[in-house]
Amino acid sequence: PMEANGVKQKEAKAKAKELLTSVGISEEQYQRYPANLSGGEQQRVAIARALSSGAGIILADEPVASLDPITAKQVMEDFVRINKEYNISILLNIHHVDLALKYCDRVIGVRAGEIVFDGPASTITQEQIDAVYNGAKVPTMGDGE
């Protein structure tokens, strides 16, 4: 992606190594084809690729869906670190409610295209979580800040 944006090959390779290292990919793994990497390693390479664009936001659709719990936790911790270190906003679509509540600042619950709640993760109630999964009406929503 960097070369496509006009970055010289030598500089792009150096930046790619830096970004891969920052997401936990070792020098030994640099030479492997993506199909020869584990699911977690492939996800980390995808995160490094997203960082290489220099964008101010990362959109991640189910980034931990196919990962084991330990690797999923590591990827979520990577997102938190990247958010702070690179000042990049990260928008996740995630069905792991426990991970969303633990690692996300803001949670928006959607059911059938309707927002059920929107607010700080710390304010989400079990009633609101249940509303996403079983369609129950929720009388109040988070403040959206």
N, C-alpha and C. Protein backbone atom coordinates (compact mmCIF):
# COMPACT_ATOMS: atom_id res chain seq x y z
N PRO A 1 0.81 -1.22 0.00
CA PRO A 1 0.00 0.00 0.00
C PRO A 1 0.85 1.28 0.00
N MET A 2 1.98 1.23 0.69
CA MET A 2 2.82 2.44 0.73
C MET A 2 3.40 2.74 -0.65
N GLU A 3 3.85 1.71 -1.35
CA GLU A 3 4.41 1.93 -2.69
C GLU A 3 3.35 2.50 -3.62
N ALA A 4 2.11 2.03 -3.48
CA ALA A 4 1.02 2.55 -4.31
C ALA A 4 0.76 4.03 -4.02
N ASN A 5 1.14 4.46 -2.83
CA ASN A 5 0.99 5.87 -2.45
C ASN A 5 2.25 6.69 -2.69
N GLY A 6 3.20 6.13 -3.47
CA GLY A 6 4.38 6.88 -3.87
C GLY A 6 5.58 6.79 -2.94
N VAL A 7 5.51 5.93 -1.93
CA VAL A 7 6.66 5.77 -1.02
C VAL A 7 7.69 4.88 -1.73
N LYS A 8 8.93 5.31 -1.69
CA LYS A 8 10.00 4.52 -2.34
C LYS A 8 10.10 3.15 -1.68
N GLN A 9 10.47 2.14 -2.49
CA GLN A 9 10.49 0.76 -2.04
C GLN A 9 11.34 0.55 -0.78
N LYS A 10 12.53 1.14 -0.74
CA LYS A 10 13.42 0.96 0.41
C LYS A 10 12.77 1.52 1.68
N GLU A 11 12.22 2.70 1.56
CA GLU A 11 11.55 3.34 2.70
C GLU A 11 10.30 2.54 3.11
N ALA A 12 9.55 2.04 2.13
CA ALA A 12 8.35 1.26 2.41
C ALA A 12 8.70 -0.04 3.15
N LYS A 13 9.78 -0.71 2.73
CA LYS A 13 10.19 -1.95 3.40
C LYS A 13 10.58 -1.68 4.85
N ALA A 14 11.33 -0.59 5.07
CA ALA A 14 11.75 -0.25 6.42
C ALA A 14 10.54 0.06 7.30
N LYS A 15 9.60 0.83 6.77
CA LYS A 15 8.38 1.18 7.53
C LYS A 15 7.54 -0.06 7.78
N ALA A 16 7.44 -0.95 6.78
CA ALA A 16 6.68 -2.19 6.94
C ALA A 16 7.26 -3.03 8.07
N LYS A 17 8.58 -3.17 8.11
CA LYS A 17 9.22 -3.94 9.19
C LYS A 17 8.94 -3.30 10.55
N GLU A 18 9.01 -1.98 10.60
CA GLU A 18 8.73 -1.27 11.85
C GLU A 18 7.29 -1.54 12.32
N LEU A 19 6.34 -1.43 11.39
CA LEU A 19 4.93 -1.64 11.73
C LEU A 19 4.66 -3.10 12.10
N LEU A 20 5.26 -4.04 11.36
CA LEU A 20 5.07 -5.45 11.68
C LEU A 20 5.62 -5.77 13.06
N THR A 21 6.77 -5.23 13.37
CA THR A 21 7.36 -5.43 14.69
C THR A 21 6.45 -4.84 15.77
N SER A 22 5.86 -3.69 15.48
CA SER A 22 5.01 -3.02 16.47
C SER A 22 3.74 -3.81 16.79
N VAL A 23 3.33 -4.70 15.89
CA VAL A 23 2.14 -5.53 16.16
C VAL A 23 2.52 -6.98 16.51
N GLY A 24 3.80 -7.21 16.78
CA GLY A 24 4.22 -8.52 17.28
C GLY A 24 4.60 -9.54 16.23
N ILE A 25 4.90 -9.11 15.02
CA ILE A 25 5.35 -10.03 13.98
C ILE A 25 6.88 -9.99 13.97
N SER A 26 7.49 -11.16 14.09
CA SER A 26 8.95 -11.24 14.18
C SER A 26 9.60 -11.19 12.79
N GLU A 27 10.91 -10.92 12.79
CA GLU A 27 11.65 -10.89 11.52
C GLU A 27 11.57 -12.22 10.80
N GLU A 28 11.54 -13.31 11.53
CA GLU A 28 11.44 -14.64 10.91
C GLU A 28 10.12 -14.78 10.16
N GLN A 29 9.09 -14.15 10.69
CA GLN A 29 7.76 -14.24 10.07
C GLN A 29 7.62 -13.33 8.85
N TYR A 30 8.48 -12.31 8.71
CA TYR A 30 8.39 -11.39 7.57
C TYR A 30 8.41 -12.12 6.24
N GLN A 31 9.17 -13.18 6.14
CA GLN A 31 9.39 -13.87 4.87
C GLN A 31 8.30 -14.88 4.52
N ARG A 32 7.39 -15.15 5.45
CA ARG A 32 6.34 -16.14 5.21
C ARG A 32 5.23 -15.55 4.36
N TYR A 33 4.59 -16.43 3.59
CA TYR A 33 3.39 -16.04 2.86
C TYR A 33 2.24 -15.97 3.85
N PRO A 34 1.26 -15.12 3.61
CA PRO A 34 0.13 -15.00 4.54
C PRO A 34 -0.54 -16.33 4.87
N ALA A 35 -0.67 -17.22 3.90
CA ALA A 35 -1.31 -18.51 4.15
C ALA A 35 -0.52 -19.37 5.14
N ASN A 36 0.75 -19.05 5.34
CA ASN A 36 1.58 -19.81 6.27
C ASN A 36 1.64 -19.17 7.65
N LEU A 37 0.84 -18.17 7.89
CA LEU A 37 0.76 -17.53 9.18
C LEU A 37 -0.52 -17.99 9.89
N SER A 38 -0.52 -17.97 11.21
CA SER A 38 -1.72 -18.31 11.97
C SER A 38 -2.77 -17.22 11.76
N GLY A 39 -3.99 -17.48 12.17
CA GLY A 39 -5.06 -16.50 12.05
C GLY A 39 -4.73 -15.21 12.79
N GLY A 40 -4.16 -15.34 13.99
CA GLY A 40 -3.78 -14.16 14.76
C GLY A 40 -2.67 -13.37 14.09
N GLU A 41 -1.70 -14.09 13.52
CA GLU A 41 -0.61 -13.43 12.82
C GLU A 41 -1.14 -12.71 11.57
N GLN A 42 -2.06 -13.36 10.86
CA GLN A 42 -2.65 -12.72 9.69
C GLN A 42 -3.41 -11.45 10.08
N GLN A 43 -4.08 -11.51 11.22
CA GLN A 43 -4.82 -10.34 11.68
C GLN A 43 -3.86 -9.20 12.03
N ARG A 44 -2.73 -9.55 12.64
CA ARG A 44 -1.73 -8.53 12.98
C ARG A 44 -1.12 -7.91 11.72
N VAL A 45 -0.89 -8.72 10.70
CA VAL A 45 -0.38 -8.19 9.42
C VAL A 45 -1.42 -7.23 8.83
N ALA A 46 -2.69 -7.58 8.92
CA ALA A 46 -3.74 -6.70 8.41
C ALA A 46 -3.76 -5.37 9.16
N ILE A 47 -3.53 -5.42 10.47
CA ILE A 47 -3.48 -4.19 11.26
C ILE A 47 -2.28 -3.35 10.84
N ALA A 48 -1.12 -3.98 10.65
CA ALA A 48 0.07 -3.25 10.19
C ALA A 48 -0.19 -2.63 8.83
N ARG A 49 -0.85 -3.35 7.95
CA ARG A 49 -1.18 -2.83 6.62
C ARG A 49 -2.08 -1.60 6.75
N ALA A 50 -3.06 -1.67 7.65
CA ALA A 50 -3.95 -0.52 7.86
C ALA A 50 -3.16 0.68 8.39
N LEU A 51 -2.23 0.42 9.29
CA LEU A 51 -1.40 1.51 9.83
C LEU A 51 -0.53 2.14 8.75
N SER A 52 -0.10 1.34 7.79
CA SER A 52 0.81 1.84 6.75
C SER A 52 0.18 2.91 5.88
N SER A 53 -1.14 2.97 5.85
CA SER A 53 -1.81 3.96 5.00
C SER A 53 -1.74 5.36 5.58
N GLY A 54 -1.49 5.46 6.89
CA GLY A 54 -1.43 6.77 7.53
C GLY A 54 -2.80 7.37 7.80
N ALA A 55 -3.85 6.59 7.63
CA ALA A 55 -5.21 7.08 7.85
C ALA A 55 -5.44 7.37 9.34
N GLY A 56 -6.40 8.19 9.62
CA GLY A 56 -6.73 8.54 11.00
C GLY A 56 -7.75 7.64 11.65
N ILE A 57 -8.22 6.64 10.90
CA ILE A 57 -9.22 5.71 11.42
C ILE A 57 -8.99 4.33 10.84
N ILE A 58 -9.22 3.32 11.65
CA ILE A 58 -9.19 1.93 11.19
C ILE A 58 -10.60 1.38 11.35
N LEU A 59 -11.14 0.82 10.29
CA LEU A 59 -12.43 0.14 10.33
C LEU A 59 -12.15 -1.35 10.38
N ALA A 60 -12.62 -2.02 11.42
CA ALA A 60 -12.34 -3.44 11.60
C ALA A 60 -13.65 -4.21 11.75
N ASP A 61 -13.92 -5.07 10.79
CA ASP A 61 -15.14 -5.87 10.79
C ASP A 61 -14.84 -7.24 11.37
N GLU A 62 -15.34 -7.49 12.57
CA GLU A 62 -15.14 -8.77 13.27
C GLU A 62 -13.66 -9.17 13.31
N PRO A 63 -12.80 -8.31 13.84
CA PRO A 63 -11.36 -8.60 13.81
C PRO A 63 -10.92 -9.78 14.67
N VAL A 64 -11.77 -10.23 15.59
CA VAL A 64 -11.37 -11.34 16.47
C VAL A 64 -12.29 -12.55 16.34
N ALA A 65 -13.18 -12.52 15.36
CA ALA A 65 -14.21 -13.57 15.25
C ALA A 65 -13.64 -14.98 15.13
N SER A 66 -12.56 -15.14 14.40
CA SER A 66 -12.03 -16.49 14.18
C SER A 66 -10.80 -16.80 15.04
N LEU A 67 -10.56 -15.97 16.04
CA LEU A 67 -9.36 -16.14 16.86
C LEU A 67 -9.68 -16.82 18.19
N ASP A 68 -8.69 -17.52 18.72
CA ASP A 68 -8.86 -18.11 20.04
C ASP A 68 -8.91 -16.98 21.08
N PRO A 69 -9.43 -17.24 22.27
CA PRO A 69 -9.60 -16.17 23.27
C PRO A 69 -8.32 -15.42 23.63
N ILE A 70 -7.21 -16.11 23.74
CA ILE A 70 -5.95 -15.45 24.11
C ILE A 70 -5.50 -14.50 23.00
N THR A 71 -5.55 -14.97 21.75
CA THR A 71 -5.15 -14.13 20.62
C THR A 71 -6.12 -12.98 20.44
N ALA A 72 -7.42 -13.23 20.64
CA ALA A 72 -8.42 -12.16 20.54
C ALA A 72 -8.12 -11.06 21.54
N LYS A 73 -7.77 -11.44 22.75
CA LYS A 73 -7.42 -10.46 23.79
C LYS A 73 -6.18 -9.67 23.37
N GLN A 74 -5.19 -10.34 22.80
CA GLN A 74 -3.97 -9.67 22.36
C GLN A 74 -4.27 -8.67 21.24
N VAL A 75 -5.12 -9.06 20.30
CA VAL A 75 -5.48 -8.15 19.19
C VAL A 75 -6.22 -6.94 19.74
N MET A 76 -7.13 -7.15 20.69
CA MET A 76 -7.86 -6.02 21.27
C MET A 76 -6.89 -5.10 22.03
N GLU A 77 -5.92 -5.68 22.72
CA GLU A 77 -4.91 -4.87 23.40
C GLU A 77 -4.07 -4.09 22.39
N ASP A 78 -3.79 -4.72 21.24
CA ASP A 78 -3.08 -4.00 20.17
C ASP A 78 -3.88 -2.79 19.71
N PHE A 79 -5.19 -2.96 19.55
CA PHE A 79 -6.03 -1.84 19.12
C PHE A 79 -5.99 -0.70 20.14
N VAL A 80 -6.07 -1.03 21.42
CA VAL A 80 -6.01 0.00 22.46
C VAL A 80 -4.68 0.74 22.40
N ARG A 81 -3.59 -0.02 22.27
CA ARG A 81 -2.26 0.59 22.20
C ARG A 81 -2.13 1.47 20.95
N ILE A 82 -2.60 0.96 19.82
CA ILE A 82 -2.52 1.72 18.56
C ILE A 82 -3.33 3.02 18.67
N ASN A 83 -4.50 2.94 19.27
CA ASN A 83 -5.33 4.12 19.47
C ASN A 83 -4.57 5.19 20.25
N LYS A 84 -3.90 4.78 21.30
CA LYS A 84 -3.16 5.74 22.12
C LYS A 84 -1.84 6.18 21.47
N GLU A 85 -1.07 5.21 20.99
CA GLU A 85 0.26 5.49 20.45
C GLU A 85 0.23 6.27 19.14
N TYR A 86 -0.69 5.91 18.25
CA TYR A 86 -0.74 6.53 16.92
C TYR A 86 -1.87 7.57 16.81
N ASN A 87 -2.66 7.72 17.88
CA ASN A 87 -3.81 8.64 17.88
C ASN A 87 -4.74 8.34 16.70
N ILE A 88 -5.04 7.07 16.53
CA ILE A 88 -5.92 6.61 15.45
C ILE A 88 -7.22 6.10 16.07
N SER A 89 -8.33 6.57 15.55
CA SER A 89 -9.63 6.06 15.98
C SER A 89 -9.84 4.68 15.38
N ILE A 90 -10.46 3.81 16.15
CA ILE A 90 -10.71 2.45 15.68
C ILE A 90 -12.19 2.16 15.85
N LEU A 91 -12.84 1.84 14.74
CA LEU A 91 -14.25 1.50 14.74
C LEU A 91 -14.37 0.01 14.50
N LEU A 92 -14.90 -0.70 15.50
CA LEU A 92 -15.00 -2.16 15.42
C LEU A 92 -16.45 -2.59 15.27
N ASN A 93 -16.67 -3.58 14.47
CA ASN A 93 -17.92 -4.33 14.46
C ASN A 93 -17.55 -5.63 15.17
N ILE A 94 -18.10 -5.84 16.35
CA ILE A 94 -17.69 -6.99 17.15
C ILE A 94 -18.90 -7.56 17.88
N HIS A 95 -19.01 -8.88 17.90
CA HIS A 95 -20.10 -9.54 18.59
C HIS A 95 -19.70 -10.07 19.97
N HIS A 96 -18.43 -9.96 20.31
CA HIS A 96 -17.96 -10.38 21.62
C HIS A 96 -18.22 -9.25 22.61
N VAL A 97 -19.38 -9.28 23.25
CA VAL A 97 -19.78 -8.20 24.14
C VAL A 97 -18.77 -7.99 25.25
N ASP A 98 -18.25 -9.08 25.81
CA ASP A 98 -17.29 -8.95 26.91
C ASP A 98 -16.04 -8.18 26.47
N LEU A 99 -15.56 -8.44 25.27
CA LEU A 99 -14.38 -7.72 24.76
C LEU A 99 -14.72 -6.25 24.49
N ALA A 100 -15.89 -6.01 23.94
CA ALA A 100 -16.31 -4.63 23.66
C ALA A 100 -16.39 -3.83 24.97
N LEU A 101 -16.98 -4.42 25.99
CA LEU A 101 -17.12 -3.72 27.27
C LEU A 101 -15.78 -3.48 27.94
N LYS A 102 -14.85 -4.41 27.76
CA LYS A 102 -13.55 -4.29 28.42
C LYS A 102 -12.61 -3.32 27.69
N TYR A 103 -12.61 -3.34 26.35
CA TYR A 103 -11.59 -2.61 25.60
C TYR A 103 -12.08 -1.36 24.88
N CYS A 104 -13.36 -1.19 24.73
CA CYS A 104 -13.87 -0.06 23.94
C CYS A 104 -14.32 1.09 24.85
N ASP A 105 -14.11 2.30 24.38
CA ASP A 105 -14.56 3.48 25.12
C ASP A 105 -16.06 3.70 24.94
N ARG A 106 -16.52 3.50 23.73
CA ARG A 106 -17.92 3.76 23.40
C ARG A 106 -18.48 2.52 22.72
N VAL A 107 -19.73 2.19 23.06
CA VAL A 107 -20.39 1.03 22.48
C VAL A 107 -21.73 1.48 21.90
N ILE A 108 -21.97 1.04 20.67
CA ILE A 108 -23.26 1.29 20.03
C ILE A 108 -23.87 -0.08 19.76
N GLY A 109 -25.01 -0.34 20.38
CA GLY A 109 -25.70 -1.62 20.17
C GLY A 109 -26.76 -1.46 19.11
N VAL A 110 -26.73 -2.35 18.11
CA VAL A 110 -27.67 -2.27 16.99
C VAL A 110 -28.42 -3.58 16.86
N ARG A 111 -29.74 -3.49 16.68
CA ARG A 111 -30.56 -4.67 16.42
C ARG A 111 -31.51 -4.33 15.28
N ALA A 112 -31.47 -5.14 14.25
CA ALA A 112 -32.35 -4.96 13.08
C ALA A 112 -32.26 -3.54 12.54
N GLY A 113 -31.04 -3.00 12.50
CA GLY A 113 -30.82 -1.68 11.92
C GLY A 113 -31.17 -0.52 12.84
N GLU A 114 -31.63 -0.79 14.03
CA GLU A 114 -31.99 0.26 14.98
C GLU A 114 -30.97 0.32 16.11
N ILE A 115 -30.61 1.52 16.52
CA ILE A 115 -29.70 1.68 17.64
C ILE A 115 -30.47 1.43 18.93
N VAL A 116 -30.00 0.45 19.70
CA VAL A 116 -30.62 0.09 20.97
C VAL A 116 -29.99 0.90 22.10
N PHE A 117 -28.70 1.12 22.00
CA PHE A 117 -28.01 1.98 22.96
C PHE A 117 -26.76 2.55 22.32
N ASP A 118 -26.30 3.64 22.90
CA ASP A 118 -25.11 4.34 22.42
C ASP A 118 -24.54 5.09 23.62
N GLY A 119 -23.38 4.69 24.06
CA GLY A 119 -22.79 5.39 25.19
C GLY A 119 -21.48 4.78 25.63
N PRO A 120 -20.92 5.33 26.69
CA PRO A 120 -19.68 4.79 27.23
C PRO A 120 -19.87 3.34 27.65
N ALA A 121 -18.86 2.52 27.39
CA ALA A 121 -18.96 1.10 27.72
C ALA A 121 -19.29 0.90 29.19
N SER A 122 -18.79 1.76 30.04
CA SER A 122 -19.00 1.62 31.48
C SER A 122 -20.45 1.83 31.90
N THR A 123 -21.29 2.38 31.02
CA THR A 123 -22.69 2.64 31.38
C THR A 123 -23.66 1.61 30.82
N ILE A 124 -23.17 0.68 30.03
CA ILE A 124 -24.05 -0.31 29.39
C ILE A 124 -24.56 -1.29 30.45
N THR A 125 -25.86 -1.50 30.45
CA THR A 125 -26.47 -2.42 31.41
C THR A 125 -26.73 -3.78 30.76
N GLN A 126 -26.94 -4.78 31.58
CA GLN A 126 -27.28 -6.11 31.07
C GLN A 126 -28.61 -6.04 30.31
N GLU A 127 -29.53 -5.22 30.77
CA GLU A 127 -30.82 -5.06 30.08
C GLU A 127 -30.61 -4.56 28.65
N GLN A 128 -29.67 -3.62 28.47
CA GLN A 128 -29.40 -3.09 27.14
C GLN A 128 -28.72 -4.15 26.26
N ILE A 129 -27.82 -4.91 26.83
CA ILE A 129 -27.17 -6.00 26.08
C ILE A 129 -28.22 -7.02 25.64
N ASP A 130 -29.10 -7.38 26.56
CA ASP A 130 -30.15 -8.34 26.24
C ASP A 130 -31.05 -7.84 25.12
N ALA A 131 -31.28 -6.52 25.08
CA ALA A 131 -32.13 -5.94 24.05
C ALA A 131 -31.56 -6.15 22.66
N VAL A 132 -30.23 -6.14 22.54
CA VAL A 132 -29.60 -6.36 21.25
C VAL A 132 -29.87 -7.78 20.77
N TYR A 133 -29.82 -8.74 21.69
CA TYR A 133 -29.91 -10.14 21.32
C TYR A 133 -31.32 -10.71 21.33
N ASN A 134 -32.23 -10.14 22.12
CA ASN A 134 -33.57 -10.72 22.14
C ASN A 134 -34.66 -9.74 21.75
N GLY A 135 -34.29 -8.51 21.42
CA GLY A 135 -35.27 -7.55 20.91
C GLY A 135 -36.09 -6.87 21.97
N ALA A 136 -35.77 -7.04 23.24
CA ALA A 136 -36.54 -6.38 24.30
C ALA A 136 -36.40 -4.86 24.17
N LYS A 137 -37.47 -4.16 24.55
CA LYS A 137 -37.44 -2.70 24.55
C LYS A 137 -36.62 -2.21 25.74
N VAL A 138 -35.83 -1.20 25.49
CA VAL A 138 -35.02 -0.59 26.55
C VAL A 138 -35.53 0.83 26.75
N PRO A 139 -35.97 1.18 27.96
CA PRO A 139 -36.58 2.49 28.16
C PRO A 139 -35.61 3.67 28.02
N THR A 140 -34.33 3.49 28.36
CA THR A 140 -33.39 4.61 28.25
C THR A 140 -32.15 4.17 27.51
N MET A 141 -31.50 5.15 26.89
CA MET A 141 -30.26 4.89 26.17
C MET A 141 -29.15 5.64 26.88
N GLY A 142 -27.88 5.26 26.56
CA GLY A 142 -26.72 6.00 27.07
C GLY A 142 -26.75 7.41 26.51
N ASP A 143 -25.90 8.28 27.04
CA ASP A 143 -25.92 9.67 26.62
C ASP A 143 -25.18 9.93 25.32
N GLY A 144 -24.49 8.91 24.75
CA GLY A 144 -23.84 9.07 23.45
C GLY A 144 -22.55 9.85 23.48
N GLU A 145 -22.05 10.18 24.66
CA GLU A 145 -20.78 10.93 24.74
C GLU A 145 -19.63 10.01 24.96
